[in-house]
């Protein structure tokens, strides 16, 4: 029995419905899941037989990191979020601003000969259109052969289509999350050290990374996603040592997106690198949440 605390549905940039995700999670005999759609709090109505931890993923801006590395990115996983809290209200405003961000990306792409109409994006079946949707449209028009190519060439941080006008400052998001009695985790921490090739060095969890994480703890994050589909066991172990040193909690998830990341399975990750995320991570998260 294991858990998966990083899953995306059709409500953002995944391809499965909520019901399909719950069904697949039960098939995998997962004990608990969190559907962490981008800037949207998805609700699960029928959760019989599986524990649901409410969650959301947010892209945020951190000036210190942006100046240090324009190719970096920082996403937060917010857990135990409830409707009608200050953070839920912030998410509504961010979704509205994200529409303007998408239009800015389309304008930047048009300037280099890649034309996508606004209505093509607006007519998609999703609550939160984003870069993966734009990447899929680019692929359907023959501009790229894969979603990964779209990000590497055009849509990734520091690339021609980069726009972050929808992102709030990390300090503001953390403050509002705390007001909302939620826990704040750093998602897929390798993105802190991404390079222009949209990748990262083999030994990225080094002293430089430790110092960045130390600063994030000072800003108020509660934990780090130490289990992730692309992380080896040695990477997860190294991240565990770092989080223990900094007295931070741990979480983990597959980052499942359905057919938008076809080789990643709910609760499992890649076939040759099974995640096996232990439930006791949730128990420690609940202990921390009870103190808020």
C-alpha atoms as a PDB file:
ATOM      1  CA  UNK A   1       0.000   0.000   0.000  1.00  0.00           C
ATOM      2  CA  UNK A   2       1.335   3.414  -0.947  1.00  0.00           C
ATOM      3  CA  UNK A   3       0.209   6.962  -1.718  1.00  0.00           C
ATOM      4  CA  UNK A   4       0.398   9.534  -4.522  1.00  0.00           C
ATOM      5  CA  UNK A   5       0.217  13.218  -3.582  1.00  0.00           C
ATOM      6  CA  UNK A   6       0.826  14.796  -6.996  1.00  0.00           C
ATOM      7  CA  UNK A   7      -1.827  14.107  -9.649  1.00  0.00           C
ATOM      8  CA  UNK A   8      -3.407  16.288 -12.368  1.00  0.00           C
ATOM      9  CA  UNK A   9      -6.864  15.950 -13.869  1.00  0.00           C
ATOM     10  CA  UNK A  10      -8.723  17.471 -16.823  1.00  0.00           C
ATOM     11  CA  UNK A  11      -9.439  20.439 -14.596  1.00  0.00           C
ATOM     12  CA  UNK A  12      -5.904  21.625 -15.366  1.00  0.00           C
ATOM     13  CA  UNK A  13      -3.383  19.968 -17.698  1.00  0.00           C
ATOM     14  CA  UNK A  14      -4.168  16.278 -17.191  1.00  0.00           C
ATOM     15  CA  UNK A  15      -6.341  14.178 -19.504  1.00  0.00           C
ATOM     16  CA  UNK A  16      -8.318  12.075 -16.985  1.00  0.00           C
ATOM     17  CA  UNK A  17     -11.525  13.000 -15.179  1.00  0.00           C
ATOM     18  CA  UNK A  18     -11.661  12.997 -11.383  1.00  0.00           C
ATOM     19  CA  UNK A  19     -13.656   9.752 -11.427  1.00  0.00           C
ATOM     20  CA  UNK A  20     -11.113   8.089 -13.733  1.00  0.00           C
ATOM     21  CA  UNK A  21      -8.267   9.107 -11.416  1.00  0.00           C
ATOM     22  CA  UNK A  22     -10.044   7.736  -8.335  1.00  0.00           C
ATOM     23  CA  UNK A  23     -10.831   4.492 -10.171  1.00  0.00           C
ATOM     24  CA  UNK A  24      -7.227   4.026 -11.334  1.00  0.00           C
ATOM     25  CA  UNK A  25      -5.954   4.824  -7.846  1.00  0.00           C
ATOM     26  CA  UNK A  26      -8.187   2.127  -6.377  1.00  0.00           C
ATOM     27  CA  UNK A  27      -6.979  -0.309  -9.032  1.00  0.00           C
ATOM     28  CA  UNK A  28      -3.421   0.425  -7.901  1.00  0.00           C
ATOM     29  CA  UNK A  29      -4.573  -0.178  -4.320  1.00  0.00           C
ATOM     30  CA  UNK A  30      -3.376   3.235  -3.213  1.00  0.00           C
ATOM     31  CA  UNK A  31      -4.186   4.168   0.350  1.00  0.00           C
ATOM     32  CA  UNK A  32      -4.387   7.917  -0.280  1.00  0.00           C
ATOM     33  CA  UNK A  33      -4.086  10.437  -3.119  1.00  0.00           C
ATOM     34  CA  UNK A  34      -4.076  14.182  -3.674  1.00  0.00           C
ATOM     35  CA  UNK A  35      -5.353  15.702  -6.918  1.00  0.00           C
ATOM     36  CA  UNK A  36      -3.176  18.806  -7.228  1.00  0.00           C
ATOM     37  CA  UNK A  37      -4.458  20.667 -10.250  1.00  0.00           C
ATOM     38  CA  UNK A  38      -2.758  23.895 -11.269  1.00  0.00           C
ATOM     39  CA  UNK A  39      -4.338  26.915  -9.593  1.00  0.00           C
ATOM     40  CA  UNK A  40      -7.641  25.025  -9.136  1.00  0.00           C
ATOM     41  CA  UNK A  41      -8.943  23.145  -6.115  1.00  0.00           C
ATOM     42  CA  UNK A  42     -10.554  19.999  -7.535  1.00  0.00           C
ATOM     43  CA  UNK A  43     -13.148  18.306  -5.368  1.00  0.00           C
ATOM     44  CA  UNK A  44     -13.657  14.555  -5.132  1.00  0.00           C
ATOM     45  CA  UNK A  45     -17.281  13.539  -4.494  1.00  0.00           C
ATOM     46  CA  UNK A  46     -17.029   9.742  -4.555  1.00  0.00           C
ATOM     47  CA  UNK A  47     -13.972   8.668  -2.588  1.00  0.00           C
ATOM     48  CA  UNK A  48     -15.209   5.471  -0.966  1.00  0.00           C
ATOM     49  CA  UNK A  49     -12.294   3.194  -0.177  1.00  0.00           C
ATOM     50  CA  UNK A  50      -9.507   5.741  -0.637  1.00  0.00           C
ATOM     51  CA  UNK A  51      -8.346   8.732   1.414  1.00  0.00           C
ATOM     52  CA  UNK A  52      -8.289  12.110  -0.326  1.00  0.00           C
ATOM     53  CA  UNK A  53      -5.913  14.886   0.743  1.00  0.00           C
ATOM     54  CA  UNK A  54      -7.063  18.164  -0.780  1.00  0.00           C
ATOM     55  CA  UNK A  55      -4.347  19.913  -2.754  1.00  0.00           C
ATOM     56  CA  UNK A  56      -3.339  22.326  -5.460  1.00  0.00           C
ATOM     57  CA  UNK A  57      -0.151  23.160  -7.373  1.00  0.00           C
ATOM     58  CA  UNK A  58       0.884  26.776  -7.847  1.00  0.00           C
ATOM     59  CA  UNK A  59       3.571  28.450  -9.931  1.00  0.00           C
ATOM     60  CA  UNK A  60       5.125  31.315  -8.000  1.00  0.00           C
ATOM     61  CA  UNK A  61       7.743  33.973  -8.555  1.00  0.00           C
ATOM     62  CA  UNK A  62      10.839  34.330  -6.397  1.00  0.00           C
ATOM     63  CA  UNK A  63      13.012  37.272  -7.391  1.00  0.00           C
ATOM     64  CA  UNK A  64      16.165  35.878  -5.785  1.00  0.00           C
ATOM     65  CA  UNK A  65      15.938  32.726  -7.874  1.00  0.00           C
ATOM     66  CA  UNK A  66      14.810  34.450 -11.076  1.00  0.00           C
ATOM     67  CA  UNK A  67      17.854  36.724 -11.032  1.00  0.00           C
ATOM     68  CA  UNK A  68      20.198  33.841 -10.275  1.00  0.00           C
ATOM     69  CA  UNK A  69      18.856  31.502 -12.972  1.00  0.00           C
ATOM     70  CA  UNK A  70      16.267  32.602 -15.600  1.00  0.00           C
ATOM     71  CA  UNK A  71      15.667  28.952 -16.574  1.00  0.00           C
ATOM     72  CA  UNK A  72      14.654  27.946 -13.064  1.00  0.00           C
ATOM     73  CA  UNK A  73      11.084  27.575 -11.895  1.00  0.00           C
ATOM     74  CA  UNK A  74       9.404  27.131  -8.559  1.00  0.00           C
ATOM     75  CA  UNK A  75       6.109  25.341  -7.967  1.00  0.00           C
ATOM     76  CA  UNK A  76       4.430  24.840  -4.626  1.00  0.00           C
ATOM     77  CA  UNK A  77       2.154  21.981  -3.609  1.00  0.00           C
ATOM     78  CA  UNK A  78      -0.414  23.238  -1.101  1.00  0.00           C
ATOM     79  CA  UNK A  79      -2.157  20.580   1.002  1.00  0.00           C
ATOM     80  CA  UNK A  80      -5.257  20.610   3.241  1.00  0.00           C
ATOM     81  CA  UNK A  81      -6.679  23.572   1.328  1.00  0.00           C
ATOM     82  CA  UNK A  82     -10.398  24.257   1.713  1.00  0.00           C
ATOM     83  CA  UNK A  83     -12.926  26.159  -0.378  1.00  0.00           C
ATOM     84  CA  UNK A  84     -13.650  29.822   0.400  1.00  0.00           C
ATOM     85  CA  UNK A  85     -10.384  30.354   2.254  1.00  0.00           C
ATOM     86  CA  UNK A  86      -8.090  33.315   1.452  1.00  0.00           C
ATOM     87  CA  UNK A  87      -5.895  31.074  -0.740  1.00  0.00           C
ATOM     88  CA  UNK A  88      -8.878  29.683  -2.645  1.00  0.00           C
ATOM     89  CA  UNK A  89      -9.910  33.273  -3.367  1.00  0.00           C
ATOM     90  CA  UNK A  90      -6.373  34.047  -4.520  1.00  0.00           C
ATOM     91  CA  UNK A  91      -6.536  31.098  -6.916  1.00  0.00           C
ATOM     92  CA  UNK A  92      -9.591  32.593  -8.630  1.00  0.00           C
ATOM     93  CA  UNK A  93      -7.694  35.830  -9.310  1.00  0.00           C
ATOM     94  CA  UNK A  94      -4.646  33.904 -10.557  1.00  0.00           C
ATOM     95  CA  UNK A  95      -6.777  31.902 -13.011  1.00  0.00           C
ATOM     96  CA  UNK A  96      -8.090  35.151 -14.468  1.00  0.00           C
ATOM     97  CA  UNK A  97      -4.576  36.545 -14.798  1.00  0.00           C
ATOM     98  CA  UNK A  98      -3.393  33.266 -16.315  1.00  0.00           C
ATOM     99  CA  UNK A  99      -5.699  33.904 -19.270  1.00  0.00           C
ATOM    100  CA  UNK A 100      -3.758  37.102 -19.971  1.00  0.00           C
ATOM    101  CA  UNK A 101      -0.514  35.144 -19.584  1.00  0.00           C
ATOM    102  CA  UNK A 102      -1.698  32.644 -22.189  1.00  0.00           C
ATOM    103  CA  UNK A 103      -2.583  35.433 -24.629  1.00  0.00           C
ATOM    104  CA  UNK A 104       0.855  36.961 -24.140  1.00  0.00           C
ATOM    105  CA  UNK A 105       2.444  33.595 -24.963  1.00  0.00           C
ATOM    106  CA  UNK A 106       0.321  33.319 -28.122  1.00  0.00           C
ATOM    107  CA  UNK A 107       1.445  36.811 -29.183  1.00  0.00           C
ATOM    108  CA  UNK A 108       5.093  35.894 -28.631  1.00  0.00           C
ATOM    109  CA  UNK A 109       4.678  32.712 -30.673  1.00  0.00           C
ATOM    110  CA  UNK A 110       2.910  34.642 -33.453  1.00  0.00           C
ATOM    111  CA  UNK A 111       5.930  36.942 -33.699  1.00  0.00           C
ATOM    112  CA  UNK A 112       8.052  33.941 -34.697  1.00  0.00           C
ATOM    113  CA  UNK A 113       5.522  32.512 -37.145  1.00  0.00           C
ATOM    114  CA  UNK A 114       3.587  30.113 -34.899  1.00  0.00           C
ATOM    115  CA  UNK A 115      -0.076  31.076 -35.043  1.00  0.00           C
ATOM    116  CA  UNK A 116      -2.614  29.802 -32.518  1.00  0.00           C
ATOM    117  CA  UNK A 117      -5.955  31.567 -32.131  1.00  0.00           C
ATOM    118  CA  UNK A 118      -7.275  32.494 -28.688  1.00  0.00           C
ATOM    119  CA  UNK A 119     -10.517  30.609 -29.256  1.00  0.00           C
ATOM    120  CA  UNK A 120      -8.562  27.403 -29.924  1.00  0.00           C
ATOM    121  CA  UNK A 121      -7.302  27.595 -26.366  1.00  0.00           C
ATOM    122  CA  UNK A 122     -10.545  28.857 -24.824  1.00  0.00           C
ATOM    123  CA  UNK A 123     -12.629  26.047 -26.328  1.00  0.00           C
ATOM    124  CA  UNK A 124     -10.615  23.285 -24.657  1.00  0.00           C
ATOM    125  CA  UNK A 125     -12.254  21.162 -21.960  1.00  0.00           C
ATOM    126  CA  UNK A 126     -10.390  22.415 -18.896  1.00  0.00           C
ATOM    127  CA  UNK A 127     -10.819  24.799 -15.977  1.00  0.00           C
ATOM    128  CA  UNK A 128      -7.277  26.157 -16.323  1.00  0.00           C
ATOM    129  CA  UNK A 129      -5.717  26.370 -19.802  1.00  0.00           C
ATOM    130  CA  UNK A 130      -1.929  26.455 -19.619  1.00  0.00           C
ATOM    131  CA  UNK A 131       1.343  25.824 -21.407  1.00  0.00           C
ATOM    132  CA  UNK A 132       0.759  22.073 -21.968  1.00  0.00           C
ATOM    133  CA  UNK A 133      -2.458  22.935 -23.825  1.00  0.00           C
ATOM    134  CA  UNK A 134      -0.545  25.396 -25.991  1.00  0.00           C
ATOM    135  CA  UNK A 135       2.116  22.733 -26.554  1.00  0.00           C
ATOM    136  CA  UNK A 136      -0.542  20.254 -27.682  1.00  0.00           C
ATOM    137  CA  UNK A 137      -1.931  22.797 -30.142  1.00  0.00           C
ATOM    138  CA  UNK A 138       1.591  23.412 -31.471  1.00  0.00           C
ATOM    139  CA  UNK A 139       1.994  19.671 -31.934  1.00  0.00           C
ATOM    140  CA  UNK A 140      -1.345  19.310 -33.734  1.00  0.00           C
ATOM    141  CA  UNK A 141      -0.287  22.051 -36.174  1.00  0.00           C
ATOM    142  CA  UNK A 142       3.073  20.392 -36.873  1.00  0.00           C
ATOM    143  CA  UNK A 143       5.293  23.009 -35.215  1.00  0.00           C
ATOM    144  CA  UNK A 144       6.746  20.404 -32.827  1.00  0.00           C
ATOM    145  CA  UNK A 145       6.688  16.622 -32.674  1.00  0.00           C
ATOM    146  CA  UNK A 146       6.328  16.282 -28.871  1.00  0.00           C
ATOM    147  CA  UNK A 147       5.218  18.337 -25.883  1.00  0.00           C
ATOM    148  CA  UNK A 148       8.739  18.119 -24.517  1.00  0.00           C
ATOM    149  CA  UNK A 149      10.108  19.699 -27.700  1.00  0.00           C
ATOM    150  CA  UNK A 150       7.621  22.554 -27.354  1.00  0.00           C
ATOM    151  CA  UNK A 151       8.915  23.315 -23.859  1.00  0.00           C
ATOM    152  CA  UNK A 152      12.576  22.889 -24.736  1.00  0.00           C
ATOM    153  CA  UNK A 153      12.371  25.212 -27.749  1.00  0.00           C
ATOM    154  CA  UNK A 154       9.583  27.658 -27.000  1.00  0.00           C
ATOM    155  CA  UNK A 155       7.602  27.434 -23.756  1.00  0.00           C
ATOM    156  CA  UNK A 156      10.094  26.626 -21.001  1.00  0.00           C
ATOM    157  CA  UNK A 157      11.386  29.224 -18.554  1.00  0.00           C
ATOM    158  CA  UNK A 158      13.835  31.561 -20.245  1.00  0.00           C
ATOM    159  CA  UNK A 159      12.586  30.647 -23.736  1.00  0.00           C
ATOM    160  CA  UNK A 160      10.860  32.837 -26.340  1.00  0.00           C
ATOM    161  CA  UNK A 161       7.374  32.045 -25.026  1.00  0.00           C
ATOM    162  CA  UNK A 162       8.207  32.594 -21.376  1.00  0.00           C
ATOM    163  CA  UNK A 163       5.634  34.680 -19.513  1.00  0.00           C
ATOM    164  CA  UNK A 164       5.032  34.699 -15.773  1.00  0.00           C
ATOM    165  CA  UNK A 165       2.683  37.640 -15.321  1.00  0.00           C
ATOM    166  CA  UNK A 166       0.178  35.412 -13.503  1.00  0.00           C
ATOM    167  CA  UNK A 167       2.616  34.366 -10.810  1.00  0.00           C
ATOM    168  CA  UNK A 168       2.397  35.893  -7.352  1.00  0.00           C
ATOM    169  CA  UNK A 169       5.457  36.445  -5.221  1.00  0.00           C
ATOM    170  CA  UNK A 170       6.289  33.366  -3.175  1.00  0.00           C
ATOM    171  CA  UNK A 171       6.214  35.342   0.088  1.00  0.00           C
ATOM    172  CA  UNK A 172       2.636  36.472  -0.595  1.00  0.00           C
ATOM    173  CA  UNK A 173       1.490  32.944  -1.478  1.00  0.00           C
ATOM    174  CA  UNK A 174       3.090  31.446   1.630  1.00  0.00           C
ATOM    175  CA  UNK A 175       1.491  34.088   3.847  1.00  0.00           C
ATOM    176  CA  UNK A 176      -1.991  33.489   2.385  1.00  0.00           C
ATOM    177  CA  UNK A 177      -1.526  29.694   2.552  1.00  0.00           C
ATOM    178  CA  UNK A 178      -0.700  29.962   6.236  1.00  0.00           C
ATOM    179  CA  UNK A 179      -3.749  32.157   6.797  1.00  0.00           C
ATOM    180  CA  UNK A 180      -5.735  29.363   5.126  1.00  0.00           C
ATOM    181  CA  UNK A 181      -4.325  26.722   7.523  1.00  0.00           C
ATOM    182  CA  UNK A 182      -2.606  24.806   4.711  1.00  0.00           C
ATOM    183  CA  UNK A 183       0.785  23.099   4.401  1.00  0.00           C
ATOM    184  CA  UNK A 184       3.281  24.315   1.792  1.00  0.00           C
ATOM    185  CA  UNK A 185       5.634  21.942  -0.023  1.00  0.00           C
ATOM    186  CA  UNK A 186       8.214  22.513  -2.731  1.00  0.00           C
ATOM    187  CA  UNK A 187       7.237  20.510  -5.825  1.00  0.00           C
ATOM    188  CA  UNK A 188       9.785  18.619  -7.989  1.00  0.00           C
ATOM    189  CA  UNK A 189      12.762  20.491  -6.464  1.00  0.00           C
ATOM    190  CA  UNK A 190      15.068  19.831  -9.448  1.00  0.00           C
ATOM    191  CA  UNK A 191      13.322  22.703 -11.295  1.00  0.00           C
ATOM    192  CA  UNK A 192      15.142  25.100  -8.976  1.00  0.00           C
ATOM    193  CA  UNK A 193      18.327  24.276 -10.901  1.00  0.00           C
ATOM    194  CA  UNK A 194      17.038  23.824 -14.472  1.00  0.00           C
ATOM    195  CA  UNK A 195      19.303  24.973 -17.307  1.00  0.00           C
ATOM    196  CA  UNK A 196      18.681  26.301 -20.827  1.00  0.00           C
ATOM    197  CA  UNK A 197      18.253  22.739 -22.105  1.00  0.00           C
ATOM    198  CA  UNK A 198      15.308  22.319 -19.714  1.00  0.00           C
ATOM    199  CA  UNK A 199      17.304  19.748 -17.784  1.00  0.00           C
ATOM    200  CA  UNK A 200      19.576  19.557 -14.739  1.00  0.00           C
ATOM    201  CA  UNK A 201      22.961  18.162 -13.775  1.00  0.00           C
ATOM    202  CA  UNK A 202      23.327  14.642 -12.382  1.00  0.00           C
ATOM    203  CA  UNK A 203      24.365  15.839  -8.933  1.00  0.00           C
ATOM    204  CA  UNK A 204      21.964  18.761  -8.670  1.00  0.00           C
ATOM    205  CA  UNK A 205      21.117  18.167  -4.996  1.00  0.00           C
ATOM    206  CA  UNK A 206      24.385  19.717  -3.856  1.00  0.00           C
ATOM    207  CA  UNK A 207      25.540  22.457  -1.481  1.00  0.00           C
ATOM    208  CA  UNK A 208      24.152  25.194  -3.741  1.00  0.00           C
ATOM    209  CA  UNK A 209      20.753  23.484  -3.760  1.00  0.00           C
ATOM    210  CA  UNK A 210      20.914  23.084   0.033  1.00  0.00           C
ATOM    211  CA  UNK A 211      21.412  26.834   0.452  1.00  0.00           C
ATOM    212  CA  UNK A 212      18.399  27.583  -1.760  1.00  0.00           C
ATOM    213  CA  UNK A 213      16.282  25.173   0.249  1.00  0.00           C
ATOM    214  CA  UNK A 214      17.529  26.720   3.472  1.00  0.00           C
ATOM    215  CA  UNK A 215      16.284  30.108   2.248  1.00  0.00           C
ATOM    216  CA  UNK A 216      12.916  28.597   1.335  1.00  0.00           C
ATOM    217  CA  UNK A 217      12.563  27.205   4.830  1.00  0.00           C
ATOM    218  CA  UNK A 218      13.225  30.682   6.123  1.00  0.00           C
ATOM    219  CA  UNK A 219      10.370  31.934   3.951  1.00  0.00           C
ATOM    220  CA  UNK A 220       8.041  29.407   5.576  1.00  0.00           C
ATOM    221  CA  UNK A 221       7.704  26.241   3.488  1.00  0.00           C
ATOM    222  CA  UNK A 222       6.816  23.108   5.454  1.00  0.00           C
ATOM    223  CA  UNK A 223       8.319  20.388   3.285  1.00  0.00           C
ATOM    224  CA  UNK A 224       9.729  19.068   0.021  1.00  0.00           C
ATOM    225  CA  UNK A 225       8.579  16.545  -2.574  1.00  0.00           C
ATOM    226  CA  UNK A 226      11.349  13.978  -2.179  1.00  0.00           C
ATOM    227  CA  UNK A 227       9.676  11.131  -4.110  1.00  0.00           C
ATOM    228  CA  UNK A 228       9.114  11.875  -7.807  1.00  0.00           C
ATOM    229  CA  UNK A 229       8.752   9.800 -10.959  1.00  0.00           C
ATOM    230  CA  UNK A 230      12.106  10.812 -12.436  1.00  0.00           C
ATOM    231  CA  UNK A 231      14.059  10.501  -9.172  1.00  0.00           C
ATOM    232  CA  UNK A 232      16.225   7.487  -8.466  1.00  0.00           C
ATOM    233  CA  UNK A 233      16.227   5.938  -5.017  1.00  0.00           C
ATOM    234  CA  UNK A 234      19.613   7.544  -4.348  1.00  0.00           C
ATOM    235  CA  UNK A 235      18.187  10.974  -5.231  1.00  0.00           C
ATOM    236  CA  UNK A 236      15.216  10.461  -2.911  1.00  0.00           C
ATOM    237  CA  UNK A 237      17.584   9.298  -0.168  1.00  0.00           C
ATOM    238  CA  UNK A 238      19.769  12.353  -0.634  1.00  0.00           C
ATOM    239  CA  UNK A 239      16.732  14.641  -0.479  1.00  0.00           C
ATOM    240  CA  UNK A 240      15.590  12.837   2.663  1.00  0.00           C
ATOM    241  CA  UNK A 241      18.929  13.593   4.323  1.00  0.00           C
ATOM    242  CA  UNK A 242      18.648  17.251   3.351  1.00  0.00           C
ATOM    243  CA  UNK A 243      15.082  17.597   4.623  1.00  0.00           C
ATOM    244  CA  UNK A 244      16.010  15.864   7.878  1.00  0.00           C
ATOM    245  CA  UNK A 245      18.888  18.286   8.363  1.00  0.00           C
ATOM    246  CA  UNK A 246      16.577  21.244   7.773  1.00  0.00           C
ATOM    247  CA  UNK A 247      13.719  19.714   9.788  1.00  0.00           C
ATOM    248  CA  UNK A 248      11.357  19.787   6.806  1.00  0.00           C
ATOM    249  CA  UNK A 249       8.556  17.328   6.033  1.00  0.00           C
ATOM    250  CA  UNK A 250       8.572  15.079   2.970  1.00  0.00           C
ATOM    251  CA  UNK A 251       5.922  14.322   0.367  1.00  0.00           C
ATOM    252  CA  UNK A 252       5.885  12.446  -2.912  1.00  0.00           C
ATOM    253  CA  UNK A 253       3.924  11.909  -6.072  1.00  0.00           C
ATOM    254  CA  UNK A 254       3.979  10.699  -9.640  1.00  0.00           C
ATOM    255  CA  UNK A 255       3.014  14.033 -11.278  1.00  0.00           C
ATOM    256  CA  UNK A 256       0.507  12.011 -13.296  1.00  0.00           C
ATOM    257  CA  UNK A 257      -1.002  13.844 -16.299  1.00  0.00           C
ATOM    258  CA  UNK A 258      -2.658  11.006 -18.206  1.00  0.00           C
ATOM    259  CA  UNK A 259      -1.794  11.024 -21.911  1.00  0.00           C
ATOM    260  CA  UNK A 260       0.118  14.294 -21.553  1.00  0.00           C
ATOM    261  CA  UNK A 261       2.799  12.248 -19.754  1.00  0.00           C
ATOM    262  CA  UNK A 262       1.967   8.783 -21.121  1.00  0.00           C
ATOM    263  CA  UNK A 263       4.808   6.842 -19.487  1.00  0.00           C
ATOM    264  CA  UNK A 264       3.911   7.848 -15.931  1.00  0.00           C
ATOM    265  CA  UNK A 265       1.380   5.789 -13.975  1.00  0.00           C
ATOM    266  CA  UNK A 266      -0.684   6.877 -10.977  1.00  0.00           C
ATOM    267  CA  UNK A 267       0.946   5.802  -7.742  1.00  0.00           C
ATOM    268  CA  UNK A 268       3.680   3.991  -9.610  1.00  0.00           C
ATOM    269  CA  UNK A 269       5.665   6.442 -11.718  1.00  0.00           C
ATOM    270  CA  UNK A 270       7.783   4.875 -14.448  1.00  0.00           C
ATOM    271  CA  UNK A 271       7.590   1.106 -14.933  1.00  0.00           C
ATOM    272  CA  UNK A 272      11.311   0.669 -14.240  1.00  0.00           C
ATOM    273  CA  UNK A 273      11.373   2.971 -11.195  1.00  0.00           C
ATOM    274  CA  UNK A 274       8.427   2.249  -8.908  1.00  0.00           C
ATOM    275  CA  UNK A 275       7.797   4.992  -6.354  1.00  0.00           C
ATOM    276  CA  UNK A 276       6.403   3.139  -3.307  1.00  0.00           C
ATOM    277  CA  UNK A 277       5.666   6.296  -1.318  1.00  0.00           C
ATOM    278  CA  UNK A 278       4.952   5.368   2.331  1.00  0.00           C
ATOM    279  CA  UNK A 279       1.758   6.429   4.089  1.00  0.00           C
ATOM    280  CA  UNK A 280       3.648   7.614   7.158  1.00  0.00           C
ATOM    281  CA  UNK A 281       4.494  10.816   5.246  1.00  0.00           C
ATOM    282  CA  UNK A 282       0.792  11.718   5.466  1.00  0.00           C
ATOM    283  CA  UNK A 283       0.708  10.908   9.170  1.00  0.00           C
ATOM    284  CA  UNK A 284       3.504  13.410   9.794  1.00  0.00           C
ATOM    285  CA  UNK A 285       1.758  15.970   7.566  1.00  0.00           C
ATOM    286  CA  UNK A 286      -1.438  15.551   9.595  1.00  0.00           C
ATOM    287  CA  UNK A 287       0.471  16.085  12.828  1.00  0.00           C
ATOM    288  CA  UNK A 288       1.880  19.345  11.476  1.00  0.00           C
ATOM    289  CA  UNK A 289      -1.489  20.417  10.077  1.00  0.00           C
ATOM    290  CA  UNK A 290      -3.142  19.844  13.461  1.00  0.00           C
ATOM    291  CA  UNK A 291      -0.806  22.456  14.957  1.00  0.00           C
ATOM    292  CA  UNK A 292      -1.989  25.213  12.580  1.00  0.00           C
END
